[in-house]
């Protein structure tokens, strides 16, 4: 779970593994190991990761997971893949937050008859 979230946060920030590694002060290989679940960062590096990615540390351990399928965009040849990755990561984060709120307050949204 941690590795998936790290990948998503890194893509949302528009950073490569090496760029994130430079910001955190670790090797790109360390970031790769974190993302693949081979290693876990120390608490100090976890704080540095969160700061470099401009997120709270709880993001890495949030239990709710939402899967979106069939995401489509208008066909624009000039939209960089990096921007599409940022959009996808941000949409997933917002969907997870919404799902978590619905679980906390299940009666707040009532179906329309």
PDB file of N, CA and C in Angstrom:
ATOM      1  N   UNK A   1       0.827  -1.197   0.000  1.00  0.00           N
ATOM      2  CA  UNK A   1       0.000   0.000   0.000  1.00  0.00           C
ATOM      3  C   UNK A   1       0.867   1.254   0.000  1.00  0.00           C
ATOM      4  N   UNK A   2       1.915   1.278   0.828  1.00  0.00           N
ATOM      5  CA  UNK A   2       2.775   2.448   0.899  1.00  0.00           C
ATOM      6  C   UNK A   2       3.394   2.757  -0.458  1.00  0.00           C
ATOM      7  N   UNK A   3       3.895   1.725  -1.121  1.00  0.00           N
ATOM      8  CA  UNK A   3       4.554   1.919  -2.411  1.00  0.00           C
ATOM      9  C   UNK A   3       3.624   2.500  -3.455  1.00  0.00           C
ATOM     10  N   UNK A   4       2.388   1.996  -3.509  1.00  0.00           N
ATOM     11  CA  UNK A   4       1.402   2.509  -4.468  1.00  0.00           C
ATOM     12  C   UNK A   4       1.119   3.984  -4.216  1.00  0.00           C
ATOM     13  N   UNK A   5       0.984   4.321  -2.951  1.00  0.00           N
ATOM     14  CA  UNK A   5       0.697   5.719  -2.611  1.00  0.00           C
ATOM     15  C   UNK A   5       1.876   6.624  -2.927  1.00  0.00           C
ATOM     16  N   UNK A   6       3.078   6.116  -2.708  1.00  0.00           N
ATOM     17  CA  UNK A   6       4.265   6.913  -3.013  1.00  0.00           C
ATOM     18  C   UNK A   6       4.343   7.181  -4.515  1.00  0.00           C
ATOM     19  N   UNK A   7       4.080   6.170  -5.322  1.00  0.00           N
ATOM     20  CA  UNK A   7       4.085   6.351  -6.776  1.00  0.00           C
ATOM     21  C   UNK A   7       3.054   7.395  -7.174  1.00  0.00           C
ATOM     22  N   UNK A   8       1.845   7.273  -6.631  1.00  0.00           N
ATOM     23  CA  UNK A   8       0.782   8.204  -6.986  1.00  0.00           C
ATOM     24  C   UNK A   8       1.122   9.633  -6.560  1.00  0.00           C
ATOM     25  N   UNK A   9       1.661   9.787  -5.359  1.00  0.00           N
ATOM     26  CA  UNK A   9       2.024  11.128  -4.880  1.00  0.00           C
ATOM     27  C   UNK A   9       3.157  11.716  -5.709  1.00  0.00           C
ATOM     28  N   UNK A  10       4.112  10.879  -6.090  1.00  0.00           N
ATOM     29  CA  UNK A  10       5.234  11.353  -6.910  1.00  0.00           C
ATOM     30  C   UNK A  10       4.737  11.802  -8.280  1.00  0.00           C
ATOM     31  N   UNK A  11       3.842  11.025  -8.866  1.00  0.00           N
ATOM     32  CA  UNK A  11       3.294  11.394 -10.175  1.00  0.00           C
ATOM     33  C   UNK A  11       2.431  12.649 -10.077  1.00  0.00           C
ATOM     34  N   UNK A  12       1.671  12.767  -8.991  1.00  0.00           N
ATOM     35  CA  UNK A  12       0.845  13.961  -8.797  1.00  0.00           C
ATOM     36  C   UNK A  12       1.711  15.205  -8.668  1.00  0.00           C
ATOM     37  N   UNK A  13       2.893  15.044  -8.088  1.00  0.00           N
ATOM     38  CA  UNK A  13       3.820  16.173  -7.945  1.00  0.00           C
ATOM     39  C   UNK A  13       4.601  16.414  -9.226  1.00  0.00           C
ATOM     40  N   UNK A  14       4.489  15.496 -10.185  1.00  0.00           N
ATOM     41  CA  UNK A  14       5.188  15.650 -11.454  1.00  0.00           C
ATOM     42  C   UNK A  14       6.688  15.421 -11.345  1.00  0.00           C
ATOM     43  N   UNK A  15       7.091  14.551 -10.423  1.00  0.00           N
ATOM     44  CA  UNK A  15       8.514  14.307 -10.196  1.00  0.00           C
ATOM     45  C   UNK A  15       8.928  12.933 -10.696  1.00  0.00           C
ATOM     46  N   UNK A  16      10.140  12.845 -11.200  1.00  0.00           N
ATOM     47  CA  UNK A  16      10.724  11.546 -11.526  1.00  0.00           C
ATOM     48  C   UNK A  16      11.294  10.955 -10.241  1.00  0.00           C
ATOM     49  N   UNK A  17      11.675   9.701 -10.285  1.00  0.00           N
ATOM     50  CA  UNK A  17      12.288   9.069  -9.113  1.00  0.00           C
ATOM     51  C   UNK A  17      13.567   9.809  -8.720  1.00  0.00           C
ATOM     52  N   UNK A  18      14.367  10.153  -9.707  1.00  0.00           N
ATOM     53  CA  UNK A  18      15.633  10.819  -9.391  1.00  0.00           C
ATOM     54  C   UNK A  18      15.412  12.232  -8.852  1.00  0.00           C
ATOM     55  N   UNK A  19      14.409  12.937  -9.363  1.00  0.00           N
ATOM     56  CA  UNK A  19      14.120  14.282  -8.854  1.00  0.00           C
ATOM     57  C   UNK A  19      13.638  14.218  -7.410  1.00  0.00           C
ATOM     58  N   UNK A  20      12.796  13.241  -7.104  1.00  0.00           N
ATOM     59  CA  UNK A  20      12.323  13.070  -5.731  1.00  0.00           C
ATOM     60  C   UNK A  20      13.478  12.678  -4.823  1.00  0.00           C
ATOM     61  N   UNK A  21      14.324  11.787  -5.308  1.00  0.00           N
ATOM     62  CA  UNK A  21      15.483  11.353  -4.517  1.00  0.00           C
ATOM     63  C   UNK A  21      16.373  12.542  -4.167  1.00  0.00           C
ATOM     64  N   UNK A  22      16.582  13.430  -5.120  1.00  0.00           N
ATOM     65  CA  UNK A  22      17.407  14.617  -4.877  1.00  0.00           C
ATOM     66  C   UNK A  22      16.777  15.507  -3.817  1.00  0.00           C
ATOM     67  N   UNK A  23      15.455  15.699  -3.897  1.00  0.00           N
ATOM     68  CA  UNK A  23      14.770  16.536  -2.914  1.00  0.00           C
ATOM     69  C   UNK A  23      14.823  15.949  -1.507  1.00  0.00           C
ATOM     70  N   UNK A  24      14.773  14.615  -1.421  1.00  0.00           N
ATOM     71  CA  UNK A  24      14.734  13.938  -0.126  1.00  0.00           C
ATOM     72  C   UNK A  24      16.136  13.709   0.427  1.00  0.00           C
ATOM     73  N   UNK A  25      17.102  13.583  -0.468  1.00  0.00           N
ATOM     74  CA  UNK A  25      18.471  13.338  -0.033  1.00  0.00           C
ATOM     75  C   UNK A  25      18.811  11.858   0.067  1.00  0.00           C
ATOM     76  N   UNK A  26      18.144  11.053  -0.770  1.00  0.00           N
ATOM     77  CA  UNK A  26      18.438   9.628  -0.844  1.00  0.00           C
ATOM     78  C   UNK A  26      18.734   9.294  -2.308  1.00  0.00           C
ATOM     79  N   UNK A  27      19.093   8.057  -2.572  1.00  0.00           N
ATOM     80  CA  UNK A  27      19.366   7.657  -3.948  1.00  0.00           C
ATOM     81  C   UNK A  27      18.071   7.339  -4.687  1.00  0.00           C
ATOM     82  N   UNK A  28      18.117   7.403  -6.010  1.00  0.00           N
ATOM     83  CA  UNK A  28      16.953   7.032  -6.822  1.00  0.00           C
ATOM     84  C   UNK A  28      16.630   5.557  -6.612  1.00  0.00           C
ATOM     85  N   UNK A  29      17.648   4.759  -6.345  1.00  0.00           N
ATOM     86  CA  UNK A  29      17.442   3.338  -6.072  1.00  0.00           C
ATOM     87  C   UNK A  29      16.628   3.145  -4.783  1.00  0.00           C
ATOM     88  N   UNK A  30      16.855   4.004  -3.795  1.00  0.00           N
ATOM     89  CA  UNK A  30      16.079   3.922  -2.551  1.00  0.00           C
ATOM     90  C   UNK A  30      14.608   4.222  -2.826  1.00  0.00           C
ATOM     91  N   UNK A  31      14.348   5.234  -3.649  1.00  0.00           N
ATOM     92  CA  UNK A  31      12.960   5.567  -4.006  1.00  0.00           C
ATOM     93  C   UNK A  31      12.327   4.382  -4.731  1.00  0.00           C
ATOM     94  N   UNK A  32      13.073   3.776  -5.643  1.00  0.00           N
ATOM     95  CA  UNK A  32      12.570   2.607  -6.370  1.00  0.00           C
ATOM     96  C   UNK A  32      12.212   1.480  -5.406  1.00  0.00           C
ATOM     97  N   UNK A  33      13.059   1.239  -4.414  1.00  0.00           N
ATOM     98  CA  UNK A  33      12.793   0.183  -3.428  1.00  0.00           C
ATOM     99  C   UNK A  33      11.570   0.512  -2.579  1.00  0.00           C
ATOM    100  N   UNK A  34      11.397   1.789  -2.230  1.00  0.00           N
ATOM    101  CA  UNK A  34      10.202   2.191  -1.476  1.00  0.00           C
ATOM    102  C   UNK A  34       8.951   1.922  -2.310  1.00  0.00           C
ATOM    103  N   UNK A  35       9.009   2.307  -3.587  1.00  0.00           N
ATOM    104  CA  UNK A  35       7.842   2.167  -4.456  1.00  0.00           C
ATOM    105  C   UNK A  35       7.490   0.708  -4.732  1.00  0.00           C
ATOM    106  N   UNK A  36       8.484  -0.160  -4.767  1.00  0.00           N
ATOM    107  CA  UNK A  36       8.234  -1.575  -5.031  1.00  0.00           C
ATOM    108  C   UNK A  36       8.018  -2.388  -3.757  1.00  0.00           C
ATOM    109  N   UNK A  37       8.055  -1.733  -2.613  1.00  0.00           N
ATOM    110  CA  UNK A  37       7.789  -2.403  -1.347  1.00  0.00           C
ATOM    111  C   UNK A  37       8.950  -3.227  -0.816  1.00  0.00           C
ATOM    112  N   UNK A  38      10.136  -3.054  -1.384  1.00  0.00           N
ATOM    113  CA  UNK A  38      11.307  -3.801  -0.907  1.00  0.00           C
ATOM    114  C   UNK A  38      11.835  -3.221   0.399  1.00  0.00           C
ATOM    115  N   UNK A  39      11.697  -1.927   0.588  1.00  0.00           N
ATOM    116  CA  UNK A  39      12.139  -1.242   1.811  1.00  0.00           C
ATOM    117  C   UNK A  39      11.087  -0.237   2.241  1.00  0.00           C
ATOM    118  N   UNK A  40      11.139   0.114   3.507  1.00  0.00           N
ATOM    119  CA  UNK A  40      10.312   1.199   4.039  1.00  0.00           C
ATOM    120  C   UNK A  40      11.253   2.315   4.474  1.00  0.00           C
ATOM    121  N   UNK A  41      10.861   3.561   4.248  1.00  0.00           N
ATOM    122  CA  UNK A  41      11.730   4.667   4.661  1.00  0.00           C
ATOM    123  C   UNK A  41      11.745   4.812   6.183  1.00  0.00           C
ATOM    124  N   UNK A  42      12.832   5.366   6.689  1.00  0.00           N
ATOM    125  CA  UNK A  42      12.890   5.681   8.115  1.00  0.00           C
ATOM    126  C   UNK A  42      11.886   6.796   8.390  1.00  0.00           C
ATOM    127  N   UNK A  43      11.612   7.037   9.642  1.00  0.00           N
ATOM    128  CA  UNK A  43      10.647   8.093   9.973  1.00  0.00           C
ATOM    129  C   UNK A  43      11.136   9.449   9.478  1.00  0.00           C
ATOM    130  N   UNK A  44      12.439   9.674   9.559  1.00  0.00           N
ATOM    131  CA  UNK A  44      12.993  10.939   9.061  1.00  0.00           C
ATOM    132  C   UNK A  44      12.814  11.075   7.566  1.00  0.00           C
ATOM    133  N   UNK A  45      13.070   9.995   6.828  1.00  0.00           N
ATOM    134  CA  UNK A  45      12.892  10.042   5.375  1.00  0.00           C
ATOM    135  C   UNK A  45      11.422  10.108   4.988  1.00  0.00           C
ATOM    136  N   UNK A  46      10.554   9.524   5.802  1.00  0.00           N
ATOM    137  CA  UNK A  46       9.119   9.619   5.546  1.00  0.00           C
ATOM    138  C   UNK A  46       8.664  11.072   5.633  1.00  0.00           C
ATOM    139  N   UNK A  47       9.139  11.777   6.635  1.00  0.00           N
ATOM    140  CA  UNK A  47       8.813  13.198   6.770  1.00  0.00           C
ATOM    141  C   UNK A  47       9.361  14.002   5.599  1.00  0.00           C
ATOM    142  N   UNK A  48      10.571  13.676   5.162  1.00  0.00           N
ATOM    143  CA  UNK A  48      11.170  14.367   4.015  1.00  0.00           C
ATOM    144  C   UNK A  48      10.389  14.083   2.737  1.00  0.00           C
ATOM    145  N   UNK A  49       9.940  12.834   2.571  1.00  0.00           N
ATOM    146  CA  UNK A  49       9.133  12.488   1.403  1.00  0.00           C
ATOM    147  C   UNK A  49       7.840  13.299   1.383  1.00  0.00           C
ATOM    148  N   UNK A  50       7.164  13.348   2.522  1.00  0.00           N
ATOM    149  CA  UNK A  50       5.904  14.092   2.607  1.00  0.00           C
ATOM    150  C   UNK A  50       6.126  15.572   2.295  1.00  0.00           C
ATOM    151  N   UNK A  51       7.190  16.138   2.816  1.00  0.00           N
ATOM    152  CA  UNK A  51       7.475  17.547   2.569  1.00  0.00           C
ATOM    153  C   UNK A  51       7.799  17.780   1.094  1.00  0.00           C
ATOM    154  N   UNK A  52       8.622  16.907   0.502  1.00  0.00           N
ATOM    155  CA  UNK A  52       9.001  17.059  -0.901  1.00  0.00           C
ATOM    156  C   UNK A  52       7.793  16.918  -1.829  1.00  0.00           C
ATOM    157  N   UNK A  53       6.832  16.087  -1.430  1.00  0.00           N
ATOM    158  CA  UNK A  53       5.646  15.847  -2.252  1.00  0.00           C
ATOM    159  C   UNK A  53       4.480  16.761  -1.889  1.00  0.00           C
ATOM    160  N   UNK A  54       4.678  17.582  -0.866  1.00  0.00           N
ATOM    161  CA  UNK A  54       3.665  18.537  -0.415  1.00  0.00           C
ATOM    162  C   UNK A  54       2.367  17.827   0.004  1.00  0.00           C
ATOM    163  N   UNK A  55       2.529  16.756   0.796  1.00  0.00           N
ATOM    164  CA  UNK A  55       1.385  16.014   1.322  1.00  0.00           C
ATOM    165  C   UNK A  55       1.608  15.753   2.801  1.00  0.00           C
ATOM    166  N   UNK A  56       0.552  15.321   3.492  1.00  0.00           N
ATOM    167  CA  UNK A  56       0.693  14.941   4.893  1.00  0.00           C
ATOM    168  C   UNK A  56       1.123  13.484   4.965  1.00  0.00           C
ATOM    169  N   UNK A  57       1.825  13.130   6.010  1.00  0.00           N
ATOM    170  CA  UNK A  57       2.325  11.757   6.137  1.00  0.00           C
ATOM    171  C   UNK A  57       1.202  10.728   6.223  1.00  0.00           C
ATOM    172  N   UNK A  58       0.040  11.111   6.737  1.00  0.00           N
ATOM    173  CA  UNK A  58      -1.068  10.173   6.852  1.00  0.00           C
ATOM    174  C   UNK A  58      -1.525   9.671   5.486  1.00  0.00           C
ATOM    175  N   UNK A  59      -1.249  10.433   4.442  1.00  0.00           N
ATOM    176  CA  UNK A  59      -1.637  10.029   3.086  1.00  0.00           C
ATOM    177  C   UNK A  59      -1.082   8.648   2.752  1.00  0.00           C
ATOM    178  N   UNK A  60       0.148   8.371   3.175  1.00  0.00           N
ATOM    179  CA  UNK A  60       0.793   7.106   2.853  1.00  0.00           C
ATOM    180  C   UNK A  60       0.113   5.907   3.507  1.00  0.00           C
ATOM    181  N   UNK A  61      -0.629   6.132   4.566  1.00  0.00           N
ATOM    182  CA  UNK A  61      -1.207   5.030   5.330  1.00  0.00           C
ATOM    183  C   UNK A  61      -2.731   5.047   5.355  1.00  0.00           C
ATOM    184  N   UNK A  62      -3.340   5.859   4.527  1.00  0.00           N
ATOM    185  CA  UNK A  62      -4.790   5.945   4.470  1.00  0.00           C
ATOM    186  C   UNK A  62      -5.358   4.605   4.013  1.00  0.00           C
ATOM    187  N   UNK A  63      -6.335   4.042   4.742  1.00  0.00           N
ATOM    188  CA  UNK A  63      -6.811   2.687   4.439  1.00  0.00           C
ATOM    189  C   UNK A  63      -7.731   2.585   3.232  1.00  0.00           C
ATOM    190  N   UNK A  64      -8.382   3.645   2.834  1.00  0.00           N
ATOM    191  CA  UNK A  64      -9.361   3.580   1.755  1.00  0.00           C
ATOM    192  C   UNK A  64      -8.644   3.536   0.413  1.00  0.00           C
ATOM    193  N   UNK A  65      -9.085   2.623  -0.426  1.00  0.00           N
ATOM    194  CA  UNK A  65      -8.503   2.523  -1.753  1.00  0.00           C
ATOM    195  C   UNK A  65      -9.628   2.479  -2.772  1.00  0.00           C
ATOM    196  N   UNK A  66      -9.564   3.356  -3.736  1.00  0.00           N
ATOM    197  CA  UNK A  66     -10.568   3.443  -4.784  1.00  0.00           C
ATOM    198  C   UNK A  66      -9.884   3.125  -6.101  1.00  0.00           C
ATOM    199  N   UNK A  67     -10.587   2.403  -6.948  1.00  0.00           N
ATOM    200  CA  UNK A  67     -10.030   2.082  -8.257  1.00  0.00           C
ATOM    201  C   UNK A  67     -10.933   2.696  -9.322  1.00  0.00           C
ATOM    202  N   UNK A  68     -10.363   3.492 -10.162  1.00  0.00           N
ATOM    203  CA  UNK A  68     -11.106   4.086 -11.267  1.00  0.00           C
ATOM    204  C   UNK A  68     -10.687   3.408 -12.546  1.00  0.00           C
ATOM    205  N   UNK A  69     -11.667   3.047 -13.350  1.00  0.00           N
ATOM    206  CA  UNK A  69     -11.374   2.374 -14.616  1.00  0.00           C
ATOM    207  C   UNK A  69     -11.970   3.169 -15.764  1.00  0.00           C
ATOM    208  N   UNK A  70     -11.365   3.009 -16.897  1.00  0.00           N
ATOM    209  CA  UNK A  70     -11.906   3.626 -18.102  1.00  0.00           C
ATOM    210  C   UNK A  70     -11.800   5.137 -18.119  1.00  0.00           C
ATOM    211  N   UNK A  71     -10.738   5.674 -17.554  1.00  0.00           N
ATOM    212  CA  UNK A  71     -10.557   7.123 -17.568  1.00  0.00           C
ATOM    213  C   UNK A  71     -10.216   7.545 -18.994  1.00  0.00           C
ATOM    214  N   UNK A  72     -10.978   8.489 -19.500  1.00  0.00           N
ATOM    215  CA  UNK A  72     -10.737   8.961 -20.859  1.00  0.00           C
ATOM    216  C   UNK A  72     -10.661  10.472 -20.868  1.00  0.00           C
ATOM    217  N   UNK A  73      -9.851  10.970 -21.761  1.00  0.00           N
ATOM    218  CA  UNK A  73      -9.690  12.408 -21.951  1.00  0.00           C
ATOM    219  C   UNK A  73      -9.926  12.714 -23.413  1.00  0.00           C
ATOM    220  N   UNK A  74     -10.178  13.964 -23.690  1.00  0.00           N
ATOM    221  CA  UNK A  74     -10.264  14.371 -25.080  1.00  0.00           C
ATOM    222  C   UNK A  74      -8.917  14.104 -25.735  1.00  0.00           C
ATOM    223  N   UNK A  75      -8.976  13.720 -26.960  1.00  0.00           N
ATOM    224  CA  UNK A  75      -7.735  13.415 -27.663  1.00  0.00           C
ATOM    225  C   UNK A  75      -7.013  14.711 -28.022  1.00  0.00           C
ATOM    226  N   UNK A  76      -5.906  14.936 -27.326  1.00  0.00           N
ATOM    227  CA  UNK A  76      -5.070  16.102 -27.608  1.00  0.00           C
ATOM    228  C   UNK A  76      -3.633  15.622 -27.633  1.00  0.00           C
ATOM    229  N   UNK A  77      -3.059  15.666 -28.784  1.00  0.00           N
ATOM    230  CA  UNK A  77      -1.697  15.152 -28.953  1.00  0.00           C
ATOM    231  C   UNK A  77      -0.673  15.947 -28.153  1.00  0.00           C
ATOM    232  N   UNK A  78      -1.013  17.168 -27.789  1.00  0.00           N
ATOM    233  CA  UNK A  78      -0.024  17.998 -27.102  1.00  0.00           C
ATOM    234  C   UNK A  78      -0.134  17.957 -25.579  1.00  0.00           C
ATOM    235  N   UNK A  79      -0.991  17.104 -25.029  1.00  0.00           N
ATOM    236  CA  UNK A  79      -1.068  16.969 -23.574  1.00  0.00           C
ATOM    237  C   UNK A  79       0.016  15.995 -23.127  1.00  0.00           C
ATOM    238  N   UNK A  80       0.989  16.483 -22.365  1.00  0.00           N
ATOM    239  CA  UNK A  80       2.089  15.604 -21.948  1.00  0.00           C
ATOM    240  C   UNK A  80       1.616  14.512 -20.984  1.00  0.00           C
ATOM    241  N   UNK A  81       2.247  13.359 -21.077  1.00  0.00           N
ATOM    242  CA  UNK A  81       1.911  12.231 -20.206  1.00  0.00           C
ATOM    243  C   UNK A  81       2.104  12.601 -18.738  1.00  0.00           C
ATOM    244  N   UNK A  82       3.071  13.439 -18.467  1.00  0.00           N
ATOM    245  CA  UNK A  82       3.336  13.879 -17.094  1.00  0.00           C
ATOM    246  C   UNK A  82       2.112  14.591 -16.515  1.00  0.00           C
ATOM    247  N   UNK A  83       1.471  15.437 -17.317  1.00  0.00           N
ATOM    248  CA  UNK A  83       0.274  16.154 -16.869  1.00  0.00           C
ATOM    249  C   UNK A  83      -0.892  15.187 -16.685  1.00  0.00           C
ATOM    250  N   UNK A  84      -1.036  14.227 -17.578  1.00  0.00           N
ATOM    251  CA  UNK A  84      -2.099  13.231 -17.444  1.00  0.00           C
ATOM    252  C   UNK A  84      -1.903  12.420 -16.168  1.00  0.00           C
ATOM    253  N   UNK A  85      -0.658  12.054 -15.857  1.00  0.00           N
ATOM    254  CA  UNK A  85      -0.370  11.325 -14.615  1.00  0.00           C
ATOM    255  C   UNK A  85      -0.728  12.161 -13.390  1.00  0.00           C
ATOM    256  N   UNK A  86      -0.448  13.460 -13.437  1.00  0.00           N
ATOM    257  CA  UNK A  86      -0.789  14.339 -12.317  1.00  0.00           C
ATOM    258  C   UNK A  86      -2.304  14.395 -12.128  1.00  0.00           C
ATOM    259  N   UNK A  87      -3.028  14.527 -13.216  1.00  0.00           N
ATOM    260  CA  UNK A  87      -4.489  14.593 -13.140  1.00  0.00           C
ATOM    261  C   UNK A  87      -5.053  13.294 -12.575  1.00  0.00           C
ATOM    262  N   UNK A  88      -4.577  12.154 -13.090  1.00  0.00           N
ATOM    263  CA  UNK A  88      -5.061  10.853 -12.600  1.00  0.00           C
ATOM    264  C   UNK A  88      -4.807  10.694 -11.108  1.00  0.00           C
ATOM    265  N   UNK A  89      -3.622  11.054 -10.645  1.00  0.00           N
ATOM    266  CA  UNK A  89      -3.287  10.921  -9.231  1.00  0.00           C
ATOM    267  C   UNK A  89      -4.159  11.820  -8.364  1.00  0.00           C
ATOM    268  N   UNK A  90      -4.411  13.036  -8.819  1.00  0.00           N
ATOM    269  CA  UNK A  90      -5.241  13.956  -8.052  1.00  0.00           C
ATOM    270  C   UNK A  90      -6.701  13.501  -8.012  1.00  0.00           C
ATOM    271  N   UNK A  91      -7.203  12.963  -9.120  1.00  0.00           N
ATOM    272  CA  UNK A  91      -8.576  12.453  -9.154  1.00  0.00           C
ATOM    273  C   UNK A  91      -8.719  11.265  -8.199  1.00  0.00           C
ATOM    274  N   UNK A  92      -7.735  10.369  -8.195  1.00  0.00           N
ATOM    275  CA  UNK A  92      -7.774   9.218  -7.290  1.00  0.00           C
ATOM    276  C   UNK A  92      -7.776   9.666  -5.831  1.00  0.00           C
ATOM    277  N   UNK A  93      -6.963  10.659  -5.506  1.00  0.00           N
ATOM    278  CA  UNK A  93      -6.908  11.163  -4.138  1.00  0.00           C
ATOM    279  C   UNK A  93      -8.255  11.745  -3.721  1.00  0.00           C
ATOM    280  N   UNK A  94      -8.861  12.546  -4.591  1.00  0.00           N
ATOM    281  CA  UNK A  94     -10.157  13.143  -4.266  1.00  0.00           C
ATOM    282  C   UNK A  94     -11.245  12.073  -4.146  1.00  0.00           C
ATOM    283  N   UNK A  95     -11.208  11.052  -5.014  1.00  0.00           N
ATOM    284  CA  UNK A  95     -12.196   9.972  -4.944  1.00  0.00           C
ATOM    285  C   UNK A  95     -12.057   9.196  -3.637  1.00  0.00           C
ATOM    286  N   UNK A  96     -10.820   8.978  -3.199  1.00  0.00           N
ATOM    287  CA  UNK A  96     -10.613   8.276  -1.923  1.00  0.00           C
ATOM    288  C   UNK A  96     -11.123   9.107  -0.754  1.00  0.00           C
ATOM    289  N   UNK A  97     -10.878  10.396  -0.799  1.00  0.00           N
ATOM    290  CA  UNK A  97     -11.373  11.265   0.281  1.00  0.00           C
ATOM    291  C   UNK A  97     -12.900  11.252   0.322  1.00  0.00           C
ATOM    292  N   UNK A  98     -13.519  11.318  -0.857  1.00  0.00           N
ATOM    293  CA  UNK A  98     -14.975  11.302  -0.940  1.00  0.00           C
ATOM    294  C   UNK A  98     -15.521   9.978  -0.411  1.00  0.00           C
ATOM    295  N   UNK A  99     -14.901   8.877  -0.789  1.00  0.00           N
ATOM    296  CA  UNK A  99     -15.327   7.564  -0.316  1.00  0.00           C
ATOM    297  C   UNK A  99     -15.203   7.462   1.199  1.00  0.00           C
ATOM    298  N   UNK A 100     -14.123   7.978   1.732  1.00  0.00           N
ATOM    299  CA  UNK A 100     -13.931   7.951   3.182  1.00  0.00           C
ATOM    300  C   UNK A 100     -15.013   8.756   3.894  1.00  0.00           C
ATOM    301  N   UNK A 101     -15.368   9.915   3.346  1.00  0.00           N
ATOM    302  CA  UNK A 101     -16.438  10.716   3.937  1.00  0.00           C
ATOM    303  C   UNK A 101     -17.778   9.995   3.874  1.00  0.00           C
ATOM    304  N   UNK A 102     -18.048   9.333   2.749  1.00  0.00           N
ATOM    305  CA  UNK A 102     -19.302   8.592   2.637  1.00  0.00           C
ATOM    306  C   UNK A 102     -19.363   7.446   3.634  1.00  0.00           C
ATOM    307  N   UNK A 103     -18.228   6.827   3.937  1.00  0.00           N
ATOM    308  CA  UNK A 103     -18.199   5.759   4.937  1.00  0.00           C
ATOM    309  C   UNK A 103     -18.431   6.307   6.340  1.00  0.00           C
ATOM    310  N   UNK A 104     -17.957   7.530   6.592  1.00  0.00           N
ATOM    311  CA  UNK A 104     -18.146   8.140   7.903  1.00  0.00           C
ATOM    312  C   UNK A 104     -19.578   8.634   8.095  1.00  0.00           C
ATOM    313  N   UNK A 105     -20.189   9.126   7.008  1.00  0.00           N
ATOM    314  CA  UNK A 105     -21.540   9.686   7.067  1.00  0.00           C
ATOM    315  C   UNK A 105     -22.407   9.037   5.979  1.00  0.00           C
ATOM    316  N   UNK A 106     -22.756   7.762   6.144  1.00  0.00           N
ATOM    317  CA  UNK A 106     -23.470   7.041   5.076  1.00  0.00           C
ATOM    318  C   UNK A 106     -24.872   7.581   4.783  1.00  0.00           C
ATOM    319  N   UNK A 107     -25.504   8.234   5.739  1.00  0.00           N
ATOM    320  CA  UNK A 107     -26.854   8.739   5.525  1.00  0.00           C
ATOM    321  C   UNK A 107     -26.870  10.137   4.950  1.00  0.00           C
ATOM    322  N   UNK A 108     -25.724  10.718   4.683  1.00  0.00           N
ATOM    323  CA  UNK A 108     -25.678  12.098   4.195  1.00  0.00           C
ATOM    324  C   UNK A 108     -26.073  12.224   2.727  1.00  0.00           C
ATOM    325  N   UNK A 109     -25.926  11.154   1.977  1.00  0.00           N
ATOM    326  CA  UNK A 109     -26.320  11.177   0.567  1.00  0.00           C
ATOM    327  C   UNK A 109     -27.462  10.186   0.386  1.00  0.00           C
ATOM    328  N   UNK A 110     -28.587  10.720  -0.030  1.00  0.00           N
ATOM    329  CA  UNK A 110     -29.767   9.869  -0.205  1.00  0.00           C
ATOM    330  C   UNK A 110     -30.061   9.742  -1.690  1.00  0.00           C
ATOM    331  N   UNK A 111     -30.425   8.538  -2.123  1.00  0.00           N
ATOM    332  CA  UNK A 111     -30.722   8.352  -3.545  1.00  0.00           C
ATOM    333  C   UNK A 111     -31.928   9.172  -3.978  1.00  0.00           C
ATOM    334  N   UNK A 112     -31.879   9.642  -5.190  1.00  0.00           N
ATOM    335  CA  UNK A 112     -32.993  10.410  -5.759  1.00  0.00           C
ATOM    336  C   UNK A 112     -34.023   9.420  -6.253  1.00  0.00           C
ATOM    337  N   UNK A 113     -35.308   9.616  -5.844  1.00  0.00           N
ATOM    338  CA  UNK A 113     -36.364   8.667  -6.272  1.00  0.00           C
ATOM    339  C   UNK A 113     -36.674   8.770  -7.738  1.00  0.00           C
TER     340      UNK A 113
END
